[in-house]
N, C-alpha and C. Protein backbone atom coordinates (compact mmCIF):
# COMPACT_ATOMS: atom_id res chain seq x y z
N MET A 1 -24.32 -36.51 213.69
CA MET A 1 -23.27 -35.52 213.41
C MET A 1 -22.30 -36.06 212.37
N SER A 2 -21.72 -35.15 211.63
CA SER A 2 -20.82 -35.60 210.57
C SER A 2 -19.42 -35.81 211.15
N ALA A 3 -18.61 -36.48 210.33
CA ALA A 3 -17.21 -36.73 210.75
C ALA A 3 -16.42 -35.49 210.92
N ARG A 4 -16.87 -34.37 210.23
CA ARG A 4 -16.18 -33.10 210.30
C ARG A 4 -16.47 -32.36 211.63
N THR A 5 -17.60 -32.68 212.25
CA THR A 5 -18.00 -31.94 213.48
C THR A 5 -17.89 -32.73 214.77
N ALA A 6 -18.12 -34.04 214.71
CA ALA A 6 -18.11 -34.85 215.92
C ALA A 6 -16.74 -35.48 216.11
N LEU A 7 -16.34 -35.62 217.37
CA LEU A 7 -15.08 -36.33 217.68
C LEU A 7 -15.42 -37.59 218.38
N SER A 8 -14.96 -38.72 217.84
CA SER A 8 -15.09 -39.98 218.54
C SER A 8 -14.05 -40.03 219.67
N ALA A 9 -14.22 -40.93 220.59
CA ALA A 9 -13.24 -41.08 221.66
C ALA A 9 -11.88 -41.41 221.10
N ASP A 10 -11.81 -42.27 220.07
CA ASP A 10 -10.52 -42.61 219.44
C ASP A 10 -9.88 -41.38 218.81
N GLN A 11 -10.72 -40.55 218.13
CA GLN A 11 -10.16 -39.37 217.48
C GLN A 11 -9.65 -38.38 218.55
N ARG A 12 -10.37 -38.23 219.61
CA ARG A 12 -9.97 -37.32 220.69
C ARG A 12 -8.59 -37.78 221.26
N ARG A 13 -8.45 -39.08 221.53
CA ARG A 13 -7.20 -39.61 222.03
C ARG A 13 -6.07 -39.38 221.01
N ALA A 14 -6.34 -39.64 219.72
CA ALA A 14 -5.34 -39.55 218.71
C ALA A 14 -4.84 -38.10 218.56
N VAL A 15 -5.76 -37.13 218.57
CA VAL A 15 -5.35 -35.75 218.35
C VAL A 15 -4.65 -35.17 219.61
N LEU A 16 -5.06 -35.63 220.76
CA LEU A 16 -4.43 -35.10 221.99
C LEU A 16 -3.18 -35.86 222.38
N ALA A 17 -2.80 -36.85 221.60
CA ALA A 17 -1.60 -37.62 221.92
C ALA A 17 -0.28 -36.90 221.54
N THR A 18 -0.40 -35.81 220.83
CA THR A 18 0.81 -35.12 220.38
C THR A 18 0.70 -33.62 220.73
N PRO A 19 1.88 -32.98 220.89
CA PRO A 19 1.81 -31.52 221.10
C PRO A 19 1.22 -30.79 219.89
N ALA A 20 1.39 -31.32 218.70
CA ALA A 20 0.78 -30.70 217.52
C ALA A 20 -0.73 -30.72 217.61
N GLY A 21 -1.29 -31.79 218.10
CA GLY A 21 -2.74 -31.89 218.31
C GLY A 21 -3.27 -30.92 219.32
N TRP A 22 -2.53 -30.78 220.40
CA TRP A 22 -2.93 -29.81 221.45
C TRP A 22 -2.94 -28.38 220.90
N LEU A 23 -1.90 -28.06 220.16
CA LEU A 23 -1.82 -26.73 219.54
C LEU A 23 -2.93 -26.56 218.54
N ALA A 24 -3.10 -27.49 217.64
CA ALA A 24 -4.12 -27.43 216.59
C ALA A 24 -5.54 -27.27 217.18
N CYS A 25 -5.76 -27.91 218.32
CA CYS A 25 -7.05 -27.80 218.97
C CYS A 25 -7.15 -26.61 219.90
N GLY A 26 -6.23 -25.70 219.75
CA GLY A 26 -6.31 -24.48 220.57
C GLY A 26 -6.22 -24.73 222.05
N PHE A 27 -5.34 -25.68 222.42
CA PHE A 27 -5.16 -26.04 223.83
C PHE A 27 -6.49 -26.49 224.51
N GLY A 28 -7.33 -27.12 223.68
CA GLY A 28 -8.60 -27.67 224.17
C GLY A 28 -9.80 -26.82 223.82
N SER A 29 -9.61 -25.62 223.40
CA SER A 29 -10.76 -24.72 223.09
C SER A 29 -11.56 -25.25 221.89
N GLY A 30 -10.95 -26.02 221.01
CA GLY A 30 -11.67 -26.56 219.88
C GLY A 30 -12.40 -27.86 220.16
N LEU A 31 -12.36 -28.30 221.41
CA LEU A 31 -13.00 -29.58 221.75
C LEU A 31 -14.41 -29.42 222.26
N THR A 32 -14.96 -28.22 222.20
CA THR A 32 -16.35 -28.00 222.61
C THR A 32 -17.26 -28.75 221.62
N PRO A 33 -18.44 -29.17 222.06
CA PRO A 33 -19.31 -29.90 221.16
C PRO A 33 -19.96 -29.09 220.06
N VAL A 34 -20.03 -27.74 220.22
CA VAL A 34 -20.62 -26.85 219.22
C VAL A 34 -19.78 -25.62 219.12
N ALA A 35 -19.94 -24.90 218.00
CA ALA A 35 -19.29 -23.58 217.78
C ALA A 35 -17.79 -23.60 218.09
N GLN A 36 -17.08 -24.60 217.60
CA GLN A 36 -15.66 -24.73 217.88
C GLN A 36 -14.89 -23.49 217.44
N GLY A 37 -15.17 -23.01 216.23
CA GLY A 37 -14.48 -21.84 215.74
C GLY A 37 -14.68 -20.61 216.60
N THR A 38 -15.88 -20.47 217.08
CA THR A 38 -16.20 -19.31 217.94
C THR A 38 -15.44 -19.45 219.26
N PHE A 39 -15.46 -20.63 219.83
CA PHE A 39 -14.72 -20.82 221.10
C PHE A 39 -13.22 -20.67 220.90
N GLY A 40 -12.71 -21.14 219.75
CA GLY A 40 -11.30 -20.96 219.43
C GLY A 40 -10.94 -19.47 219.33
N SER A 41 -11.80 -18.69 218.63
CA SER A 41 -11.57 -17.28 218.49
C SER A 41 -11.65 -16.56 219.84
N LEU A 42 -12.59 -16.99 220.70
CA LEU A 42 -12.68 -16.38 222.05
C LEU A 42 -11.39 -16.72 222.86
N ALA A 43 -10.94 -17.95 222.76
CA ALA A 43 -9.75 -18.32 223.51
C ALA A 43 -8.54 -17.58 223.02
N ALA A 44 -8.53 -17.22 221.73
CA ALA A 44 -7.40 -16.46 221.18
C ALA A 44 -7.29 -15.05 221.73
N LEU A 45 -8.37 -14.53 222.27
CA LEU A 45 -8.34 -13.18 222.84
C LEU A 45 -7.47 -13.09 224.10
N LEU A 46 -7.40 -14.16 224.86
CA LEU A 46 -6.62 -14.16 226.11
C LEU A 46 -5.13 -13.96 225.83
N PRO A 47 -4.48 -14.80 224.99
CA PRO A 47 -3.09 -14.57 224.73
C PRO A 47 -2.82 -13.24 223.99
N TRP A 48 -3.85 -12.81 223.21
CA TRP A 48 -3.68 -11.53 222.49
C TRP A 48 -3.49 -10.37 223.46
N LEU A 49 -4.11 -10.43 224.62
CA LEU A 49 -3.96 -9.36 225.63
C LEU A 49 -2.51 -9.28 226.08
N LEU A 50 -1.77 -10.36 226.04
CA LEU A 50 -0.33 -10.31 226.35
C LEU A 50 0.48 -9.96 225.08
N LEU A 51 0.11 -10.52 223.98
CA LEU A 51 0.84 -10.26 222.74
C LEU A 51 0.80 -8.81 222.33
N ARG A 52 -0.27 -8.12 222.66
CA ARG A 52 -0.39 -6.70 222.22
C ARG A 52 0.64 -5.81 222.89
N GLU A 53 1.27 -6.29 223.94
CA GLU A 53 2.32 -5.54 224.60
C GLU A 53 3.68 -5.64 223.89
N LEU A 54 3.78 -6.55 222.91
CA LEU A 54 5.04 -6.73 222.19
C LEU A 54 5.27 -5.56 221.24
N ALA A 55 6.51 -5.35 220.93
CA ALA A 55 6.88 -4.37 219.89
C ALA A 55 6.33 -4.91 218.53
N TRP A 56 5.96 -3.99 217.68
CA TRP A 56 5.33 -4.34 216.41
C TRP A 56 6.12 -5.39 215.66
N PRO A 57 7.45 -5.28 215.47
CA PRO A 57 8.16 -6.30 214.70
C PRO A 57 8.12 -7.70 215.35
N ILE A 58 8.11 -7.72 216.67
CA ILE A 58 8.03 -9.01 217.36
C ILE A 58 6.60 -9.62 217.22
N TYR A 59 5.62 -8.77 217.29
CA TYR A 59 4.24 -9.21 217.08
C TYR A 59 4.11 -9.84 215.70
N ALA A 60 4.64 -9.15 214.69
CA ALA A 60 4.59 -9.70 213.32
C ALA A 60 5.34 -11.04 213.22
N LEU A 61 6.46 -11.16 213.91
CA LEU A 61 7.22 -12.37 213.90
C LEU A 61 6.40 -13.51 214.57
N VAL A 62 5.70 -13.20 215.65
CA VAL A 62 4.85 -14.18 216.30
C VAL A 62 3.78 -14.69 215.33
N LEU A 63 3.20 -13.77 214.56
CA LEU A 63 2.18 -14.17 213.57
C LEU A 63 2.77 -15.09 212.52
N VAL A 64 3.93 -14.75 212.00
CA VAL A 64 4.56 -15.54 210.95
C VAL A 64 4.96 -16.91 211.48
N LEU A 65 5.56 -16.95 212.70
CA LEU A 65 5.92 -18.26 213.27
C LEU A 65 4.69 -19.07 213.64
N GLY A 66 3.67 -18.41 214.19
CA GLY A 66 2.43 -19.07 214.53
C GLY A 66 1.76 -19.65 213.31
N PHE A 67 1.81 -18.93 212.18
CA PHE A 67 1.30 -19.47 210.93
C PHE A 67 2.06 -20.71 210.47
N ALA A 68 3.39 -20.59 210.43
CA ALA A 68 4.23 -21.72 210.02
C ALA A 68 4.07 -22.96 210.87
N ILE A 69 4.07 -22.74 212.19
CA ILE A 69 3.87 -23.89 213.11
C ILE A 69 2.47 -24.41 212.96
N GLY A 70 1.49 -23.52 212.72
CA GLY A 70 0.11 -23.94 212.51
C GLY A 70 -0.08 -24.80 211.30
N VAL A 71 0.60 -24.49 210.16
CA VAL A 71 0.54 -25.32 208.99
C VAL A 71 0.96 -26.74 209.35
N TRP A 72 2.04 -26.88 210.07
CA TRP A 72 2.51 -28.22 210.50
C TRP A 72 1.53 -28.87 211.46
N ALA A 73 1.14 -28.15 212.53
CA ALA A 73 0.30 -28.74 213.59
C ALA A 73 -1.07 -29.10 213.03
N CYS A 74 -1.66 -28.25 212.20
CA CYS A 74 -3.01 -28.54 211.65
C CYS A 74 -2.92 -29.71 210.66
N GLY A 75 -1.85 -29.85 209.94
CA GLY A 75 -1.64 -31.00 209.10
C GLY A 75 -1.54 -32.30 209.90
N VAL A 76 -0.77 -32.25 210.97
CA VAL A 76 -0.62 -33.44 211.83
C VAL A 76 -1.96 -33.82 212.46
N ALA A 77 -2.68 -32.84 212.96
CA ALA A 77 -3.97 -33.08 213.60
C ALA A 77 -4.99 -33.63 212.57
N GLY A 78 -5.00 -33.05 211.39
CA GLY A 78 -5.93 -33.50 210.34
C GLY A 78 -5.66 -34.98 209.99
N ARG A 79 -4.41 -35.33 209.90
CA ARG A 79 -4.09 -36.75 209.60
C ARG A 79 -4.46 -37.66 210.76
N ALA A 80 -4.28 -37.19 211.99
CA ALA A 80 -4.68 -38.00 213.19
C ALA A 80 -6.18 -38.22 213.25
N LEU A 81 -6.91 -37.17 212.82
CA LEU A 81 -8.37 -37.24 212.86
C LEU A 81 -8.97 -37.88 211.59
N HIS A 82 -8.14 -38.00 210.57
CA HIS A 82 -8.59 -38.53 209.26
C HIS A 82 -9.65 -37.57 208.63
N VAL A 83 -9.56 -36.31 209.02
CA VAL A 83 -10.40 -35.24 208.47
C VAL A 83 -9.49 -34.01 208.35
N ALA A 84 -9.25 -33.56 207.13
CA ALA A 84 -8.25 -32.53 206.92
C ALA A 84 -8.53 -31.24 207.67
N ASP A 85 -9.78 -30.80 207.71
CA ASP A 85 -10.13 -29.53 208.38
C ASP A 85 -11.26 -29.76 209.37
N HIS A 86 -11.02 -30.61 210.35
CA HIS A 86 -12.04 -30.90 211.35
C HIS A 86 -12.33 -29.64 212.16
N ARG A 87 -13.53 -29.46 212.58
CA ARG A 87 -13.94 -28.25 213.32
C ARG A 87 -13.17 -28.08 214.66
N SER A 88 -12.68 -29.17 215.19
CA SER A 88 -11.94 -29.07 216.46
C SER A 88 -10.57 -28.42 216.27
N ILE A 89 -10.10 -28.36 215.02
CA ILE A 89 -8.82 -27.73 214.71
C ILE A 89 -9.06 -26.22 214.63
N VAL A 90 -8.59 -25.48 215.64
CA VAL A 90 -8.89 -24.06 215.77
C VAL A 90 -7.63 -23.16 215.86
N TRP A 91 -6.43 -23.73 215.67
CA TRP A 91 -5.25 -22.85 215.74
C TRP A 91 -5.35 -21.79 214.61
N ASP A 92 -5.98 -22.13 213.53
CA ASP A 92 -6.17 -21.17 212.44
C ASP A 92 -7.01 -20.00 212.90
N GLU A 93 -7.94 -20.24 213.78
CA GLU A 93 -8.77 -19.14 214.37
C GLU A 93 -7.89 -18.26 215.25
N PHE A 94 -6.94 -18.85 215.96
CA PHE A 94 -6.07 -18.04 216.80
C PHE A 94 -5.30 -17.05 215.93
N ILE A 95 -4.65 -17.55 214.88
CA ILE A 95 -3.84 -16.66 214.01
C ILE A 95 -4.72 -15.67 213.29
N GLY A 96 -5.84 -16.11 212.76
CA GLY A 96 -6.78 -15.21 212.08
C GLY A 96 -7.32 -14.14 212.99
N GLN A 97 -7.64 -14.50 214.22
CA GLN A 97 -8.12 -13.53 215.17
C GLN A 97 -7.04 -12.48 215.56
N TRP A 98 -5.81 -12.96 215.72
CA TRP A 98 -4.74 -12.03 216.03
C TRP A 98 -4.45 -11.08 214.88
N ILE A 99 -4.62 -11.56 213.63
CA ILE A 99 -4.45 -10.70 212.49
C ILE A 99 -5.58 -9.66 212.47
N ALA A 100 -6.79 -10.12 212.72
CA ALA A 100 -7.95 -9.20 212.73
C ALA A 100 -7.81 -8.08 213.69
N LEU A 101 -7.16 -8.36 214.84
CA LEU A 101 -7.00 -7.33 215.87
C LEU A 101 -5.78 -6.42 215.68
N THR A 102 -5.01 -6.65 214.63
CA THR A 102 -3.78 -5.91 214.40
C THR A 102 -4.02 -4.38 214.35
N PRO A 103 -5.09 -3.90 213.75
CA PRO A 103 -5.25 -2.42 213.74
C PRO A 103 -5.31 -1.79 215.13
N LEU A 104 -5.67 -2.54 216.12
CA LEU A 104 -5.72 -2.01 217.49
C LEU A 104 -4.32 -1.77 218.05
N LEU A 105 -3.32 -2.29 217.36
CA LEU A 105 -1.93 -2.16 217.83
C LEU A 105 -1.19 -1.03 217.13
N LEU A 106 -1.74 -0.48 216.10
CA LEU A 106 -1.09 0.55 215.33
C LEU A 106 -0.91 1.84 216.14
N PRO A 107 0.23 2.47 216.04
CA PRO A 107 0.45 3.70 216.84
C PRO A 107 -0.63 4.75 216.54
N GLY A 108 -1.17 5.32 217.62
CA GLY A 108 -2.15 6.34 217.51
C GLY A 108 -3.58 5.87 217.41
N PHE A 109 -3.80 4.55 217.22
CA PHE A 109 -5.19 4.08 217.10
C PHE A 109 -5.82 4.02 218.49
N LEU A 110 -5.39 3.08 219.28
CA LEU A 110 -5.95 2.93 220.66
C LEU A 110 -4.80 2.68 221.60
N PRO A 111 -4.33 3.69 222.30
CA PRO A 111 -3.26 3.49 223.23
C PRO A 111 -3.72 2.60 224.40
N ASN A 112 -2.72 1.92 224.99
CA ASN A 112 -3.04 1.09 226.14
C ASN A 112 -3.78 1.87 227.19
N GLY A 113 -4.75 1.24 227.80
CA GLY A 113 -5.56 1.90 228.85
C GLY A 113 -6.77 2.61 228.26
N ASN A 114 -6.88 2.70 226.98
CA ASN A 114 -8.03 3.37 226.34
C ASN A 114 -9.25 2.48 226.57
N PRO A 115 -10.34 3.03 227.08
CA PRO A 115 -11.55 2.21 227.35
C PRO A 115 -12.17 1.66 226.05
N ALA A 116 -11.86 2.25 224.93
CA ALA A 116 -12.40 1.78 223.66
C ALA A 116 -11.73 0.48 223.20
N LEU A 117 -10.64 0.09 223.86
CA LEU A 117 -9.96 -1.15 223.48
C LEU A 117 -10.91 -2.33 223.54
N GLY A 118 -11.72 -2.42 224.57
CA GLY A 118 -12.67 -3.51 224.71
C GLY A 118 -13.66 -3.52 223.56
N LEU A 119 -14.13 -2.34 223.18
CA LEU A 119 -15.06 -2.26 222.03
C LEU A 119 -14.36 -2.68 220.73
N GLY A 120 -13.08 -2.23 220.61
CA GLY A 120 -12.31 -2.66 219.43
C GLY A 120 -12.11 -4.16 219.36
N MET A 121 -11.85 -4.77 220.54
CA MET A 121 -11.69 -6.24 220.56
C MET A 121 -13.00 -6.91 220.18
N LEU A 122 -14.09 -6.43 220.72
CA LEU A 122 -15.40 -7.00 220.40
C LEU A 122 -15.72 -6.87 218.88
N ALA A 123 -15.42 -5.67 218.30
CA ALA A 123 -15.64 -5.49 216.87
C ALA A 123 -14.72 -6.40 216.06
N GLY A 124 -13.46 -6.48 216.48
CA GLY A 124 -12.50 -7.38 215.75
C GLY A 124 -12.91 -8.83 215.81
N PHE A 125 -13.40 -9.24 216.97
CA PHE A 125 -13.89 -10.64 217.17
C PHE A 125 -15.08 -10.85 216.21
N ALA A 126 -16.06 -9.95 216.27
CA ALA A 126 -17.27 -10.11 215.46
C ALA A 126 -16.95 -10.10 213.95
N LEU A 127 -16.08 -9.19 213.55
CA LEU A 127 -15.71 -9.12 212.13
C LEU A 127 -14.99 -10.36 211.65
N PHE A 128 -14.08 -10.84 212.50
CA PHE A 128 -13.36 -12.07 212.11
C PHE A 128 -14.30 -13.27 211.98
N ARG A 129 -15.21 -13.41 212.95
CA ARG A 129 -16.20 -14.51 212.86
C ARG A 129 -17.06 -14.37 211.64
N LEU A 130 -17.49 -13.10 211.32
CA LEU A 130 -18.30 -12.88 210.15
C LEU A 130 -17.56 -13.35 208.87
N PHE A 131 -16.36 -12.90 208.66
CA PHE A 131 -15.62 -13.28 207.47
C PHE A 131 -15.23 -14.76 207.46
N ASP A 132 -14.99 -15.35 208.65
CA ASP A 132 -14.60 -16.75 208.69
C ASP A 132 -15.81 -17.66 208.37
N VAL A 133 -17.00 -17.26 208.78
CA VAL A 133 -18.18 -18.08 208.51
C VAL A 133 -18.72 -17.78 207.13
N TRP A 134 -18.79 -16.51 206.74
CA TRP A 134 -19.34 -16.09 205.44
C TRP A 134 -18.48 -16.57 204.28
N LYS A 135 -17.17 -16.45 204.44
CA LYS A 135 -16.19 -16.85 203.44
C LYS A 135 -16.45 -16.22 202.09
N PRO A 136 -16.43 -14.90 201.99
CA PRO A 136 -16.66 -14.28 200.66
C PRO A 136 -15.51 -14.51 199.72
N GLY A 137 -15.80 -14.55 198.42
CA GLY A 137 -14.87 -14.57 197.33
C GLY A 137 -13.64 -15.46 197.53
N PRO A 138 -12.48 -14.83 197.61
CA PRO A 138 -11.23 -15.62 197.64
C PRO A 138 -11.10 -16.48 198.89
N ILE A 139 -11.82 -16.17 199.97
CA ILE A 139 -11.73 -16.97 201.17
C ILE A 139 -12.33 -18.35 200.90
N SER A 140 -13.51 -18.35 200.26
CA SER A 140 -14.16 -19.63 199.98
C SER A 140 -13.36 -20.44 198.94
N TRP A 141 -12.74 -19.74 198.00
CA TRP A 141 -11.88 -20.43 197.02
C TRP A 141 -10.72 -21.14 197.73
N LEU A 142 -10.05 -20.43 198.62
CA LEU A 142 -8.97 -21.03 199.38
C LEU A 142 -9.42 -22.21 200.18
N ASP A 143 -10.59 -22.06 200.82
CA ASP A 143 -11.16 -23.13 201.66
C ASP A 143 -11.40 -24.41 200.81
N ARG A 144 -11.85 -24.24 199.59
CA ARG A 144 -12.17 -25.39 198.72
C ARG A 144 -10.93 -25.96 198.05
N CYS A 145 -10.01 -25.11 197.65
CA CYS A 145 -8.97 -25.57 196.74
C CYS A 145 -7.61 -25.86 197.36
N VAL A 146 -7.29 -25.29 198.47
CA VAL A 146 -6.00 -25.54 199.12
C VAL A 146 -6.21 -26.49 200.26
N LYS A 147 -5.49 -27.59 200.25
CA LYS A 147 -5.73 -28.65 201.21
C LYS A 147 -4.58 -28.76 202.20
N GLY A 148 -4.73 -29.66 203.19
CA GLY A 148 -3.72 -29.90 204.18
C GLY A 148 -3.62 -28.79 205.19
N GLY A 149 -2.53 -28.77 205.97
CA GLY A 149 -2.36 -27.75 206.99
C GLY A 149 -2.32 -26.34 206.39
N LEU A 150 -1.76 -26.20 205.20
CA LEU A 150 -1.72 -24.90 204.57
C LEU A 150 -3.14 -24.39 204.27
N GLY A 151 -3.99 -25.26 203.74
CA GLY A 151 -5.35 -24.89 203.46
C GLY A 151 -6.12 -24.53 204.68
N VAL A 152 -5.95 -25.27 205.76
CA VAL A 152 -6.60 -24.99 207.04
C VAL A 152 -6.25 -23.57 207.49
N MET A 153 -4.98 -23.19 207.36
CA MET A 153 -4.53 -21.89 207.90
C MET A 153 -4.88 -20.74 206.95
N LEU A 154 -4.75 -20.92 205.64
CA LEU A 154 -4.84 -19.80 204.71
C LEU A 154 -6.17 -19.10 204.70
N ASP A 155 -7.28 -19.83 204.73
CA ASP A 155 -8.58 -19.17 204.62
C ASP A 155 -8.83 -18.29 205.85
N ASP A 156 -8.33 -18.73 207.03
CA ASP A 156 -8.51 -17.92 208.26
C ASP A 156 -7.58 -16.71 208.24
N VAL A 157 -6.41 -16.87 207.65
CA VAL A 157 -5.49 -15.72 207.53
C VAL A 157 -6.15 -14.65 206.67
N LEU A 158 -6.74 -15.07 205.56
CA LEU A 158 -7.40 -14.10 204.68
C LEU A 158 -8.65 -13.50 205.33
N ALA A 159 -9.42 -14.31 206.07
CA ALA A 159 -10.55 -13.77 206.84
C ALA A 159 -10.07 -12.75 207.87
N GLY A 160 -8.93 -13.01 208.49
CA GLY A 160 -8.36 -12.05 209.47
C GLY A 160 -7.92 -10.78 208.78
N ILE A 161 -7.36 -10.88 207.57
CA ILE A 161 -6.95 -9.68 206.83
C ILE A 161 -8.19 -8.86 206.45
N PHE A 162 -9.22 -9.49 205.96
CA PHE A 162 -10.43 -8.79 205.63
C PHE A 162 -11.02 -8.07 206.86
N ALA A 163 -11.08 -8.80 207.98
CA ALA A 163 -11.59 -8.21 209.23
C ALA A 163 -10.75 -7.05 209.69
N ALA A 164 -9.42 -7.19 209.58
CA ALA A 164 -8.50 -6.13 209.99
C ALA A 164 -8.71 -4.88 209.14
N ILE A 165 -8.93 -5.03 207.84
CA ILE A 165 -9.15 -3.87 206.99
C ILE A 165 -10.42 -3.13 207.41
N VAL A 166 -11.50 -3.86 207.65
CA VAL A 166 -12.74 -3.23 208.10
C VAL A 166 -12.59 -2.63 209.47
N LEU A 167 -11.92 -3.33 210.38
CA LEU A 167 -11.71 -2.82 211.74
C LEU A 167 -10.90 -1.51 211.68
N ALA A 168 -9.86 -1.51 210.84
CA ALA A 168 -9.03 -0.29 210.72
C ALA A 168 -9.87 0.90 210.26
N GLY A 169 -10.75 0.65 209.34
CA GLY A 169 -11.67 1.69 208.86
C GLY A 169 -12.61 2.18 209.93
N LEU A 170 -13.16 1.25 210.70
CA LEU A 170 -14.04 1.63 211.81
C LEU A 170 -13.34 2.40 212.88
N VAL A 171 -12.12 1.95 213.25
CA VAL A 171 -11.35 2.65 214.30
C VAL A 171 -10.95 4.01 213.82
N TYR A 172 -10.54 4.09 212.58
CA TYR A 172 -10.11 5.42 212.02
C TYR A 172 -11.30 6.37 212.00
N ALA A 173 -12.45 5.86 211.56
CA ALA A 173 -13.63 6.73 211.53
C ALA A 173 -14.08 7.19 212.91
N ALA A 174 -13.86 6.35 213.91
CA ALA A 174 -14.31 6.66 215.24
C ALA A 174 -13.32 7.61 216.00
N THR A 175 -12.11 7.78 215.47
CA THR A 175 -11.12 8.62 216.18
C THR A 175 -10.98 9.97 215.52
């Protein structure tokens, strides 16, 4: 396994020694031996179920603060692991996934209690993973060219925006 995918015992101790490391690793969801990004995105769905109850401006504030804190936490974790964008760092998946699901919160799209909410979540999850793995156009450029905590966060934010645009179109077409 490469240094970007495997965690040595020393790396695991180093990253989990700080609150920044815990956050960057998605509270442990990024410590799975495979598919760390997928597990991070899945774990992000649980807090989203609570976050979706927030008023729109507060939800947006959570995204902005989560991004800013993520830049710091992912930078700290990358330095602790000696790998800038180690696969165990999944806070970027949390923020990207929450952005991808944003259309489900827009007034008139899917009110609370709508049985289609689960389908919308599944579609948002799948679309985010697609754009995060595929990395079309500007996403791959950001992934290659922007480094540190900012680079870790930015490509997933853009993948979340792409996924949100497609999800909004799908939800609009279905209603």
